[in-house]
Amino acid sequence: MKKNIIVGIAMAAGVLTMSAMSASAAGSCNGTCADQQSIQQFKQETSVLSGNVESIEAQIREQYSNDSIDIRKIDELEAQLKTLKDRIEVFALKYNIPKCSQG
């Protein structure tokens, strides 16, 4: 029961965070988004990184769903996640892609 409550809270927090990020990103474009060619190149160059981000996010969700949460493992995964997102941001800057177009 306690595990289900923790998982529910973690999932709700994730949904709220993503909603807030999407709303703030949508407002940050001001009608100027990158051209389609730049977006395509960005997606091609970051596809492996994006896949790794999804994998690590799944691992973090799995850690939160365990009966005993390993905070060190979660910290390690979150550090890896931050590193990957920072690397993706470098490519976004390279192609002058605003956050609202990075999808």
PDB file of N, CA and C in Angstrom:
ATOM      1  N   MET A   1       0.824  -1.194   0.000  1.00  0.00           N
ATOM      2  CA  MET A   1       0.000   0.000   0.000  1.00  0.00           C
ATOM      3  C   MET A   1       0.863   1.251   0.000  1.00  0.00           C
ATOM      4  N   LYS A   2       1.874   1.262   0.896  1.00  0.00           N
ATOM      5  CA  LYS A   2       2.757   2.423   0.992  1.00  0.00           C
ATOM      6  C   LYS A   2       3.507   2.633  -0.332  1.00  0.00           C
ATOM      7  N   LYS A   3       3.905   1.516  -0.942  1.00  0.00           N
ATOM      8  CA  LYS A   3       4.606   1.578  -2.224  1.00  0.00           C
ATOM      9  C   LYS A   3       3.724   2.217  -3.289  1.00  0.00           C
ATOM     10  N   ASN A   4       2.456   1.831  -3.333  1.00  0.00           N
ATOM     11  CA  ASN A   4       1.529   2.392  -4.323  1.00  0.00           C
ATOM     12  C   ASN A   4       1.332   3.886  -4.126  1.00  0.00           C
ATOM     13  N   ILE A   5       1.304   4.325  -2.890  1.00  0.00           N
ATOM     14  CA  ILE A   5       1.147   5.753  -2.603  1.00  0.00           C
ATOM     15  C   ILE A   5       2.375   6.518  -3.086  1.00  0.00           C
ATOM     16  N   ILE A   6       3.560   5.975  -2.802  1.00  0.00           N
ATOM     17  CA  ILE A   6       4.799   6.639  -3.226  1.00  0.00           C
ATOM     18  C   ILE A   6       4.875   6.709  -4.745  1.00  0.00           C
ATOM     19  N   VAL A   7       4.551   5.593  -5.414  1.00  0.00           N
ATOM     20  CA  VAL A   7       4.571   5.575  -6.875  1.00  0.00           C
ATOM     21  C   VAL A   7       3.559   6.575  -7.423  1.00  0.00           C
ATOM     22  N   GLY A   8       2.378   6.627  -6.830  1.00  0.00           N
ATOM     23  CA  GLY A   8       1.349   7.565  -7.278  1.00  0.00           C
ATOM     24  C   GLY A   8       1.790   9.011  -7.130  1.00  0.00           C
ATOM     25  N   ILE A   9       2.410   9.314  -6.003  1.00  0.00           N
ATOM     26  CA  ILE A   9       2.905  10.679  -5.779  1.00  0.00           C
ATOM     27  C   ILE A   9       4.007  11.018  -6.776  1.00  0.00           C
ATOM     28  N   ALA A  10       4.937  10.070  -6.995  1.00  0.00           N
ATOM     29  CA  ALA A  10       6.032  10.307  -7.945  1.00  0.00           C
ATOM     30  C   ALA A  10       5.494  10.519  -9.355  1.00  0.00           C
ATOM     31  N   MET A  11       4.523   9.718  -9.758  1.00  0.00           N
ATOM     32  CA  MET A  11       3.946   9.868 -11.098  1.00  0.00           C
ATOM     33  C   MET A  11       3.199  11.199 -11.227  1.00  0.00           C
ATOM     34  N   ALA A  12       2.442  11.566 -10.200  1.00  0.00           N
ATOM     35  CA  ALA A  12       1.712  12.833 -10.236  1.00  0.00           C
ATOM     36  C   ALA A  12       2.679  14.009 -10.319  1.00  0.00           C
ATOM     37  N   ALA A  13       3.771  13.932  -9.547  1.00  0.00           N
ATOM     38  CA  ALA A  13       4.771  15.003  -9.586  1.00  0.00           C
ATOM     39  C   ALA A  13       5.400  15.089 -10.971  1.00  0.00           C
ATOM     40  N   GLY A  14       5.662  13.938 -11.579  1.00  0.00           N
ATOM     41  CA  GLY A  14       6.233  13.921 -12.925  1.00  0.00           C
ATOM     42  C   GLY A  14       5.310  14.541 -13.947  1.00  0.00           C
ATOM     43  N   VAL A  15       4.030  14.210 -13.863  1.00  0.00           N
ATOM     44  CA  VAL A  15       3.050  14.762 -14.794  1.00  0.00           C
ATOM     45  C   VAL A  15       2.948  16.272 -14.613  1.00  0.00           C
ATOM     46  N   LEU A  16       2.885  16.732 -13.373  1.00  0.00           N
ATOM     47  CA  LEU A  16       2.798  18.171 -13.127  1.00  0.00           C
ATOM     48  C   LEU A  16       4.042  18.895 -13.617  1.00  0.00           C
ATOM     49  N   THR A  17       5.201  18.299 -13.395  1.00  0.00           N
ATOM     50  CA  THR A  17       6.449  18.913 -13.849  1.00  0.00           C
ATOM     51  C   THR A  17       6.471  19.026 -15.364  1.00  0.00           C
ATOM     52  N   MET A  18       6.117  17.945 -16.055  1.00  0.00           N
ATOM     53  CA  MET A  18       6.111  17.968 -17.522  1.00  0.00           C
ATOM     54  C   MET A  18       5.095  18.976 -18.051  1.00  0.00           C
ATOM     55  N   SER A  19       3.946  19.074 -17.397  1.00  0.00           N
ATOM     56  CA  SER A  19       2.933  20.041 -17.831  1.00  0.00           C
ATOM     57  C   SER A  19       3.451  21.463 -17.688  1.00  0.00           C
ATOM     58  N   ALA A  20       4.097  21.741 -16.568  1.00  0.00           N
ATOM     59  CA  ALA A  20       4.633  23.075 -16.337  1.00  0.00           C
ATOM     60  C   ALA A  20       5.747  23.392 -17.327  1.00  0.00           C
ATOM     61  N   MET A  21       6.604  22.403 -17.589  1.00  0.00           N
ATOM     62  CA  MET A  21       7.698  22.618 -18.535  1.00  0.00           C
ATOM     63  C   MET A  21       7.149  22.876 -19.933  1.00  0.00           C
ATOM     64  N   SER A  22       6.140  22.113 -20.326  1.00  0.00           N
ATOM     65  CA  SER A  22       5.545  22.298 -21.651  1.00  0.00           C
ATOM     66  C   SER A  22       4.910  23.680 -21.771  1.00  0.00           C
ATOM     67  N   ALA A  23       4.227  24.089 -20.734  1.00  0.00           N
ATOM     68  CA  ALA A  23       3.576  25.402 -20.760  1.00  0.00           C
ATOM     69  C   ALA A  23       4.603  26.517 -20.834  1.00  0.00           C
ATOM     70  N   SER A  24       5.681  26.402 -20.061  1.00  0.00           N
ATOM     71  CA  SER A  24       6.694  27.453 -20.095  1.00  0.00           C
ATOM     72  C   SER A  24       7.456  27.438 -21.405  1.00  0.00           C
ATOM     73  N   ALA A  25       7.688  26.263 -21.963  1.00  0.00           N
ATOM     74  CA  ALA A  25       8.401  26.172 -23.237  1.00  0.00           C
ATOM     75  C   ALA A  25       7.556  26.745 -24.361  1.00  0.00           C
ATOM     76  N   ALA A  26       6.274  26.492 -24.326  1.00  0.00           N
ATOM     77  CA  ALA A  26       5.393  27.002 -25.375  1.00  0.00           C
ATOM     78  C   ALA A  26       5.402  28.521 -25.389  1.00  0.00           C
ATOM     79  N   GLY A  27       5.502  29.127 -24.238  1.00  0.00           N
ATOM     80  CA  GLY A  27       5.514  30.579 -24.167  1.00  0.00           C
ATOM     81  C   GLY A  27       6.855  31.179 -24.529  1.00  0.00           C
ATOM     82  N   SER A  28       7.916  30.385 -24.535  1.00  0.00           N
ATOM     83  CA  SER A  28       9.247  30.941 -24.755  1.00  0.00           C
ATOM     84  C   SER A  28       9.602  31.106 -26.221  1.00  0.00           C
ATOM     85  N   CYS A  29       8.804  30.574 -27.124  1.00  0.00           N
ATOM     86  CA  CYS A  29       9.134  30.657 -28.541  1.00  0.00           C
ATOM     87  C   CYS A  29       8.792  32.012 -29.148  1.00  0.00           C
ATOM     88  N   ASN A  30       7.740  32.609 -28.688  1.00  0.00           N
ATOM     89  CA  ASN A  30       7.290  33.897 -29.228  1.00  0.00           C
ATOM     90  C   ASN A  30       7.092  33.839 -30.736  1.00  0.00           C
ATOM     91  N   GLY A  31       6.633  32.685 -31.234  1.00  0.00           N
ATOM     92  CA  GLY A  31       6.337  32.556 -32.650  1.00  0.00           C
ATOM     93  C   GLY A  31       7.551  32.288 -33.518  1.00  0.00           C
ATOM     94  N   THR A  32       8.743  32.220 -32.962  1.00  0.00           N
ATOM     95  CA  THR A  32       9.933  31.963 -33.760  1.00  0.00           C
ATOM     96  C   THR A  32      10.504  30.607 -33.394  1.00  0.00           C
ATOM     97  N   CYS A  33      10.328  29.657 -34.269  1.00  0.00           N
ATOM     98  CA  CYS A  33      10.886  28.332 -34.047  1.00  0.00           C
ATOM     99  C   CYS A  33      11.887  28.041 -35.149  1.00  0.00           C
ATOM    100  N   ALA A  34      12.697  27.044 -34.938  1.00  0.00           N
ATOM    101  CA  ALA A  34      13.748  26.699 -35.894  1.00  0.00           C
ATOM    102  C   ALA A  34      13.142  26.161 -37.187  1.00  0.00           C
ATOM    103  N   ASP A  35      13.924  26.259 -38.253  1.00  0.00           N
ATOM    104  CA  ASP A  35      13.461  25.730 -39.530  1.00  0.00           C
ATOM    105  C   ASP A  35      13.503  24.205 -39.500  1.00  0.00           C
ATOM    106  N   GLN A  36      12.754  23.585 -40.376  1.00  0.00           N
ATOM    107  CA  GLN A  36      12.597  22.136 -40.377  1.00  0.00           C
ATOM    108  C   GLN A  36      13.907  21.392 -40.621  1.00  0.00           C
ATOM    109  N   GLN A  37      14.777  21.949 -41.454  1.00  0.00           N
ATOM    110  CA  GLN A  37      16.052  21.288 -41.729  1.00  0.00           C
ATOM    111  C   GLN A  37      16.917  21.237 -40.467  1.00  0.00           C
ATOM    112  N   SER A  38      16.965  22.329 -39.729  1.00  0.00           N
ATOM    113  CA  SER A  38      17.733  22.358 -38.482  1.00  0.00           C
ATOM    114  C   SER A  38      17.163  21.368 -37.470  1.00  0.00           C
ATOM    115  N   ILE A  39      15.847  21.313 -37.384  1.00  0.00           N
ATOM    116  CA  ILE A  39      15.203  20.385 -36.453  1.00  0.00           C
ATOM    117  C   ILE A  39      15.523  18.944 -36.842  1.00  0.00           C
ATOM    118  N   GLN A  40      15.475  18.646 -38.142  1.00  0.00           N
ATOM    119  CA  GLN A  40      15.776  17.294 -38.610  1.00  0.00           C
ATOM    120  C   GLN A  40      17.217  16.914 -38.280  1.00  0.00           C
ATOM    121  N   GLN A  41      18.166  17.815 -38.529  1.00  0.00           N
ATOM    122  CA  GLN A  41      19.569  17.538 -38.211  1.00  0.00           C
ATOM    123  C   GLN A  41      19.765  17.351 -36.715  1.00  0.00           C
ATOM    124  N   PHE A  42      19.100  18.190 -35.930  1.00  0.00           N
ATOM    125  CA  PHE A  42      19.168  18.091 -34.474  1.00  0.00           C
ATOM    126  C   PHE A  42      18.671  16.721 -34.009  1.00  0.00           C
ATOM    127  N   LYS A  43      17.529  16.295 -34.531  1.00  0.00           N
ATOM    128  CA  LYS A  43      16.959  15.013 -34.139  1.00  0.00           C
ATOM    129  C   LYS A  43      17.868  13.856 -34.545  1.00  0.00           C
ATOM    130  N   GLN A  44      18.474  13.950 -35.732  1.00  0.00           N
ATOM    131  CA  GLN A  44      19.377  12.885 -36.181  1.00  0.00           C
ATOM    132  C   GLN A  44      20.595  12.782 -35.270  1.00  0.00           C
ATOM    133  N   GLU A  45      21.169  13.917 -34.919  1.00  0.00           N
ATOM    134  CA  GLU A  45      22.391  13.913 -34.112  1.00  0.00           C
ATOM    135  C   GLU A  45      22.134  13.584 -32.643  1.00  0.00           C
ATOM    136  N   THR A  46      20.913  13.758 -32.199  1.00  0.00           N
ATOM    137  CA  THR A  46      20.626  13.510 -30.782  1.00  0.00           C
ATOM    138  C   THR A  46      19.757  12.276 -30.546  1.00  0.00           C
ATOM    139  N   SER A  47      19.503  11.500 -31.581  1.00  0.00           N
ATOM    140  CA  SER A  47      18.594  10.359 -31.425  1.00  0.00           C
ATOM    141  C   SER A  47      19.109   9.356 -30.397  1.00  0.00           C
ATOM    142  N   VAL A  48      20.401   9.064 -30.407  1.00  0.00           N
ATOM    143  CA  VAL A  48      20.952   8.121 -29.429  1.00  0.00           C
ATOM    144  C   VAL A  48      20.873   8.709 -28.024  1.00  0.00           C
ATOM    145  N   LEU A  49      21.215   9.985 -27.901  1.00  0.00           N
ATOM    146  CA  LEU A  49      21.136  10.644 -26.596  1.00  0.00           C
ATOM    147  C   LEU A  49      19.695  10.640 -26.078  1.00  0.00           C
ATOM    148  N   SER A  50      18.748  10.927 -26.949  1.00  0.00           N
ATOM    149  CA  SER A  50      17.338  10.944 -26.548  1.00  0.00           C
ATOM    150  C   SER A  50      16.885   9.561 -26.094  1.00  0.00           C
ATOM    151  N   GLY A  51      17.325   8.537 -26.795  1.00  0.00           N
ATOM    152  CA  GLY A  51      17.005   7.171 -26.391  1.00  0.00           C
ATOM    153  C   GLY A  51      17.576   6.845 -25.022  1.00  0.00           C
ATOM    154  N   ASN A  52      18.797   7.316 -24.775  1.00  0.00           N
ATOM    155  CA  ASN A  52      19.413   7.104 -23.467  1.00  0.00           C
ATOM    156  C   ASN A  52      18.662   7.848 -22.371  1.00  0.00           C
ATOM    157  N   VAL A  53      18.182   9.046 -22.684  1.00  0.00           N
ATOM    158  CA  VAL A  53      17.388   9.818 -21.712  1.00  0.00           C
ATOM    159  C   VAL A  53      16.135   9.030 -21.337  1.00  0.00           C
ATOM    160  N   GLU A  54      15.444   8.508 -22.349  1.00  0.00           N
ATOM    161  CA  GLU A  54      14.230   7.728 -22.076  1.00  0.00           C
ATOM    162  C   GLU A  54      14.538   6.499 -21.229  1.00  0.00           C
ATOM    163  N   SER A  55      15.654   5.838 -21.522  1.00  0.00           N
ATOM    164  CA  SER A  55      16.044   4.646 -20.769  1.00  0.00           C
ATOM    165  C   SER A  55      16.329   4.977 -19.302  1.00  0.00           C
ATOM    166  N   ILE A  56      17.062   6.056 -19.079  1.00  0.00           N
ATOM    167  CA  ILE A  56      17.393   6.444 -17.705  1.00  0.00           C
ATOM    168  C   ILE A  56      16.145   6.896 -16.957  1.00  0.00           C
ATOM    169  N   GLU A  57      15.252   7.617 -17.633  1.00  0.00           N
ATOM    170  CA  GLU A  57      14.003   8.016 -16.986  1.00  0.00           C
ATOM    171  C   GLU A  57      13.193   6.788 -16.574  1.00  0.00           C
ATOM    172  N   ALA A  58      13.189   5.745 -17.408  1.00  0.00           N
ATOM    173  CA  ALA A  58      12.491   4.503 -17.057  1.00  0.00           C
ATOM    174  C   ALA A  58      13.156   3.837 -15.847  1.00  0.00           C
ATOM    175  N   GLN A  59      14.478   3.865 -15.805  1.00  0.00           N
ATOM    176  CA  GLN A  59      15.191   3.284 -14.665  1.00  0.00           C
ATOM    177  C   GLN A  59      14.879   4.037 -13.374  1.00  0.00           C
ATOM    178  N   ILE A  60      14.765   5.354 -13.478  1.00  0.00           N
ATOM    179  CA  ILE A  60      14.423   6.158 -12.293  1.00  0.00           C
ATOM    180  C   ILE A  60      13.018   5.808 -11.827  1.00  0.00           C
ATOM    181  N   ARG A  61      12.073   5.698 -12.761  1.00  0.00           N
ATOM    182  CA  ARG A  61      10.702   5.316 -12.386  1.00  0.00           C
ATOM    183  C   ARG A  61      10.700   3.937 -11.723  1.00  0.00           C
ATOM    184  N   GLU A  62      11.504   3.025 -12.257  1.00  0.00           N
ATOM    185  CA  GLU A  62      11.586   1.681 -11.681  1.00  0.00           C
ATOM    186  C   GLU A  62      12.143   1.739 -10.259  1.00  0.00           C
ATOM    187  N   GLN A  63      13.154   2.564 -10.037  1.00  0.00           N
ATOM    188  CA  GLN A  63      13.726   2.693  -8.700  1.00  0.00           C
ATOM    189  C   GLN A  63      12.679   3.196  -7.706  1.00  0.00           C
ATOM    190  N   TYR A  64      11.871   4.155  -8.131  1.00  0.00           N
ATOM    191  CA  TYR A  64      10.830   4.682  -7.247  1.00  0.00           C
ATOM    192  C   TYR A  64       9.728   3.658  -6.979  1.00  0.00           C
ATOM    193  N   SER A  65       9.563   2.693  -7.870  1.00  0.00           N
ATOM    194  CA  SER A  65       8.505   1.701  -7.669  1.00  0.00           C
ATOM    195  C   SER A  65       8.960   0.526  -6.799  1.00  0.00           C
ATOM    196  N   ASN A  66      10.256   0.433  -6.505  1.00  0.00           N
ATOM    197  CA  ASN A  66      10.755  -0.638  -5.647  1.00  0.00           C
ATOM    198  C   ASN A  66      10.280  -0.459  -4.208  1.00  0.00           C
ATOM    199  N   ASP A  67      10.210  -1.581  -3.482  1.00  0.00           N
ATOM    200  CA  ASP A  67       9.827  -1.524  -2.066  1.00  0.00           C
ATOM    201  C   ASP A  67      10.823  -0.708  -1.250  1.00  0.00           C
ATOM    202  N   SER A  68      12.114  -0.891  -1.528  1.00  0.00           N
ATOM    203  CA  SER A  68      13.140  -0.101  -0.839  1.00  0.00           C
ATOM    204  C   SER A  68      13.825   0.775  -1.881  1.00  0.00           C
ATOM    205  N   ILE A  69      13.713   2.068  -1.682  1.00  0.00           N
ATOM    206  CA  ILE A  69      14.256   3.026  -2.649  1.00  0.00           C
ATOM    207  C   ILE A  69      15.735   3.247  -2.366  1.00  0.00           C
ATOM    208  N   ASP A  70      16.559   3.075  -3.406  1.00  0.00           N
ATOM    209  CA  ASP A  70      18.001   3.261  -3.303  1.00  0.00           C
ATOM    210  C   ASP A  70      18.326   4.696  -3.741  1.00  0.00           C
ATOM    211  N   ILE A  71      18.425   5.580  -2.772  1.00  0.00           N
ATOM    212  CA  ILE A  71      18.649   7.005  -3.061  1.00  0.00           C
ATOM    213  C   ILE A  71      19.957   7.219  -3.819  1.00  0.00           C
ATOM    214  N   ARG A  72      20.998   6.470  -3.475  1.00  0.00           N
ATOM    215  CA  ARG A  72      22.283   6.621  -4.180  1.00  0.00           C
ATOM    216  C   ARG A  72      22.134   6.287  -5.659  1.00  0.00           C
ATOM    217  N   LYS A  73      21.412   5.221  -5.951  1.00  0.00           N
ATOM    218  CA  LYS A  73      21.194   4.825  -7.342  1.00  0.00           C
ATOM    219  C   LYS A  73      20.389   5.891  -8.076  1.00  0.00           C
ATOM    220  N   ILE A  74      19.373   6.419  -7.418  1.00  0.00           N
ATOM    221  CA  ILE A  74      18.564   7.467  -8.036  1.00  0.00           C
ATOM    222  C   ILE A  74      19.413   8.710  -8.287  1.00  0.00           C
ATOM    223  N   ASP A  75      20.244   9.087  -7.322  1.00  0.00           N
ATOM    224  CA  ASP A  75      21.129  10.242  -7.505  1.00  0.00           C
ATOM    225  C   ASP A  75      22.071  10.024  -8.685  1.00  0.00           C
ATOM    226  N   GLU A  76      22.594   8.808  -8.782  1.00  0.00           N
ATOM    227  CA  GLU A  76      23.504   8.475  -9.884  1.00  0.00           C
ATOM    228  C   GLU A  76      22.784   8.577 -11.230  1.00  0.00           C
ATOM    229  N   LEU A  77      21.582   8.026 -11.298  1.00  0.00           N
ATOM    230  CA  LEU A  77      20.796   8.080 -12.536  1.00  0.00           C
ATOM    231  C   LEU A  77      20.419   9.510 -12.899  1.00  0.00           C
ATOM    232  N   GLU A  78      20.058  10.305 -11.899  1.00  0.00           N
ATOM    233  CA  GLU A  78      19.694  11.696 -12.171  1.00  0.00           C
ATOM    234  C   GLU A  78      20.900  12.501 -12.642  1.00  0.00           C
ATOM    235  N   ALA A  79      22.088  12.186 -12.136  1.00  0.00           N
ATOM    236  CA  ALA A  79      23.306  12.849 -12.603  1.00  0.00           C
ATOM    237  C   ALA A  79      23.576  12.483 -14.062  1.00  0.00           C
ATOM    238  N   GLN A  80      23.387  11.210 -14.403  1.00  0.00           N
ATOM    239  CA  GLN A  80      23.554  10.781 -15.789  1.00  0.00           C
ATOM    240  C   GLN A  80      22.538  11.473 -16.690  1.00  0.00           C
ATOM    241  N   LEU A  81      21.315  11.590 -16.204  1.00  0.00           N
ATOM    242  CA  LEU A  81      20.252  12.246 -16.959  1.00  0.00           C
ATOM    243  C   LEU A  81      20.593  13.705 -17.231  1.00  0.00           C
ATOM    244  N   LYS A  82      21.099  14.388 -16.226  1.00  0.00           N
ATOM    245  CA  LYS A  82      21.485  15.791 -16.390  1.00  0.00           C
ATOM    246  C   LYS A  82      22.604  15.925 -17.420  1.00  0.00           C
ATOM    247  N   THR A  83      23.581  15.029 -17.370  1.00  0.00           N
ATOM    248  CA  THR A  83      24.683  15.061 -18.326  1.00  0.00           C
ATOM    249  C   THR A  83      24.172  14.884 -19.757  1.00  0.00           C
ATOM    250  N   LEU A  84      23.278  13.931 -19.945  1.00  0.00           N
ATOM    251  CA  LEU A  84      22.715  13.704 -21.277  1.00  0.00           C
ATOM    252  C   LEU A  84      21.926  14.916 -21.772  1.00  0.00           C
ATOM    253  N   LYS A  85      21.118  15.486 -20.891  1.00  0.00           N
ATOM    254  CA  LYS A  85      20.331  16.663 -21.291  1.00  0.00           C
ATOM    255  C   LYS A  85      21.222  17.853 -21.603  1.00  0.00           C
ATOM    256  N   ASP A  86      22.328  17.990 -20.871  1.00  0.00           N
ATOM    257  CA  ASP A  86      23.280  19.058 -21.165  1.00  0.00           C
ATOM    258  C   ASP A  86      23.917  18.851 -22.540  1.00  0.00           C
ATOM    259  N   ARG A  87      24.223  17.599 -22.873  1.00  0.00           N
ATOM    260  CA  ARG A  87      24.804  17.297 -24.189  1.00  0.00           C
ATOM    261  C   ARG A  87      23.804  17.593 -25.299  1.00  0.00           C
ATOM    262  N   ILE A  88      22.532  17.281 -25.063  1.00  0.00           N
ATOM    263  CA  ILE A  88      21.495  17.590 -26.049  1.00  0.00           C
ATOM    264  C   ILE A  88      21.374  19.095 -26.221  1.00  0.00           C
ATOM    265  N   GLU A  89      21.496  19.829 -25.130  1.00  0.00           N
ATOM    266  CA  GLU A  89      21.416  21.295 -25.183  1.00  0.00           C
ATOM    267  C   GLU A  89      22.535  21.878 -26.051  1.00  0.00           C
ATOM    268  N   VAL A  90      23.711  21.269 -26.022  1.00  0.00           N
ATOM    269  CA  VAL A  90      24.827  21.724 -26.864  1.00  0.00           C
ATOM    270  C   VAL A  90      24.436  21.638 -28.342  1.00  0.00           C
ATOM    271  N   PHE A  91      23.790  20.529 -28.725  1.00  0.00           N
ATOM    272  CA  PHE A  91      23.337  20.392 -30.109  1.00  0.00           C
ATOM    273  C   PHE A  91      22.241  21.403 -30.432  1.00  0.00           C
ATOM    274  N   ALA A  92      21.370  21.675 -29.477  1.00  0.00           N
ATOM    275  CA  ALA A  92      20.315  22.667 -29.704  1.00  0.00           C
ATOM    276  C   ALA A  92      20.922  24.046 -29.966  1.00  0.00           C
ATOM    277  N   LEU A  93      21.937  24.384 -29.197  1.00  0.00           N
ATOM    278  CA  LEU A  93      22.615  25.663 -29.422  1.00  0.00           C
ATOM    279  C   LEU A  93      23.314  25.681 -30.771  1.00  0.00           C
ATOM    280  N   LYS A  94      23.915  24.556 -31.154  1.00  0.00           N
ATOM    281  CA  LYS A  94      24.608  24.441 -32.444  1.00  0.00           C
ATOM    282  C   LYS A  94      23.664  24.755 -33.599  1.00  0.00           C
ATOM    283  N   TYR A  95      22.431  24.259 -33.511  1.00  0.00           N
ATOM    284  CA  TYR A  95      21.457  24.461 -34.586  1.00  0.00           C
ATOM    285  C   TYR A  95      20.492  25.607 -34.298  1.00  0.00           C
ATOM    286  N   ASN A  96      20.749  26.364 -33.222  1.00  0.00           N
ATOM    287  CA  ASN A  96      19.925  27.514 -32.864  1.00  0.00           C
ATOM    288  C   ASN A  96      18.454  27.114 -32.730  1.00  0.00           C
ATOM    289  N   ILE A  97      18.239  26.045 -31.973  1.00  0.00           N
ATOM    290  CA  ILE A  97      16.895  25.530 -31.774  1.00  0.00           C
ATOM    291  C   ILE A  97      16.390  25.916 -30.395  1.00  0.00           C
ATOM    292  N   PRO A  98      15.297  26.667 -30.321  1.00  0.00           N
ATOM    293  CA  PRO A  98      14.745  27.038 -29.018  1.00  0.00           C
ATOM    294  C   PRO A  98      14.168  25.818 -28.313  1.00  0.00           C
ATOM    295  N   LYS A  99      14.033  25.886 -27.007  1.00  0.00           N
ATOM    296  CA  LYS A  99      13.551  24.760 -26.203  1.00  0.00           C
ATOM    297  C   LYS A  99      12.191  24.240 -26.685  1.00  0.00           C
ATOM    298  N   CYS A 100      11.347  25.121 -27.191  1.00  0.00           N
ATOM    299  CA  CYS A 100      10.008  24.686 -27.607  1.00  0.00           C
ATOM    300  C   CYS A 100      10.052  23.800 -28.834  1.00  0.00           C
ATOM    301  N   SER A 101      11.161  23.772 -29.558  1.00  0.00           N
ATOM    302  CA  SER A 101      11.278  22.953 -30.760  1.00  0.00           C
ATOM    303  C   SER A 101      12.080  21.679 -30.535  1.00  0.00           C
ATOM    304  N   GLN A 102      12.586  21.473 -29.321  1.00  0.00           N
ATOM    305  CA  GLN A 102      13.474  20.344 -29.092  1.00  0.00           C
ATOM    306  C   GLN A 102      12.750  19.014 -28.971  1.00  0.00           C
ATOM    307  N   GLY A 103      11.436  19.030 -28.692  1.00  0.00           N
ATOM    308  CA  GLY A 103      10.598  17.857 -28.572  1.00  0.00           C
ATOM    309  C   GLY A 103      11.230  16.602 -28.787  1.00  0.00           C
TER     310      GLY A 103
END
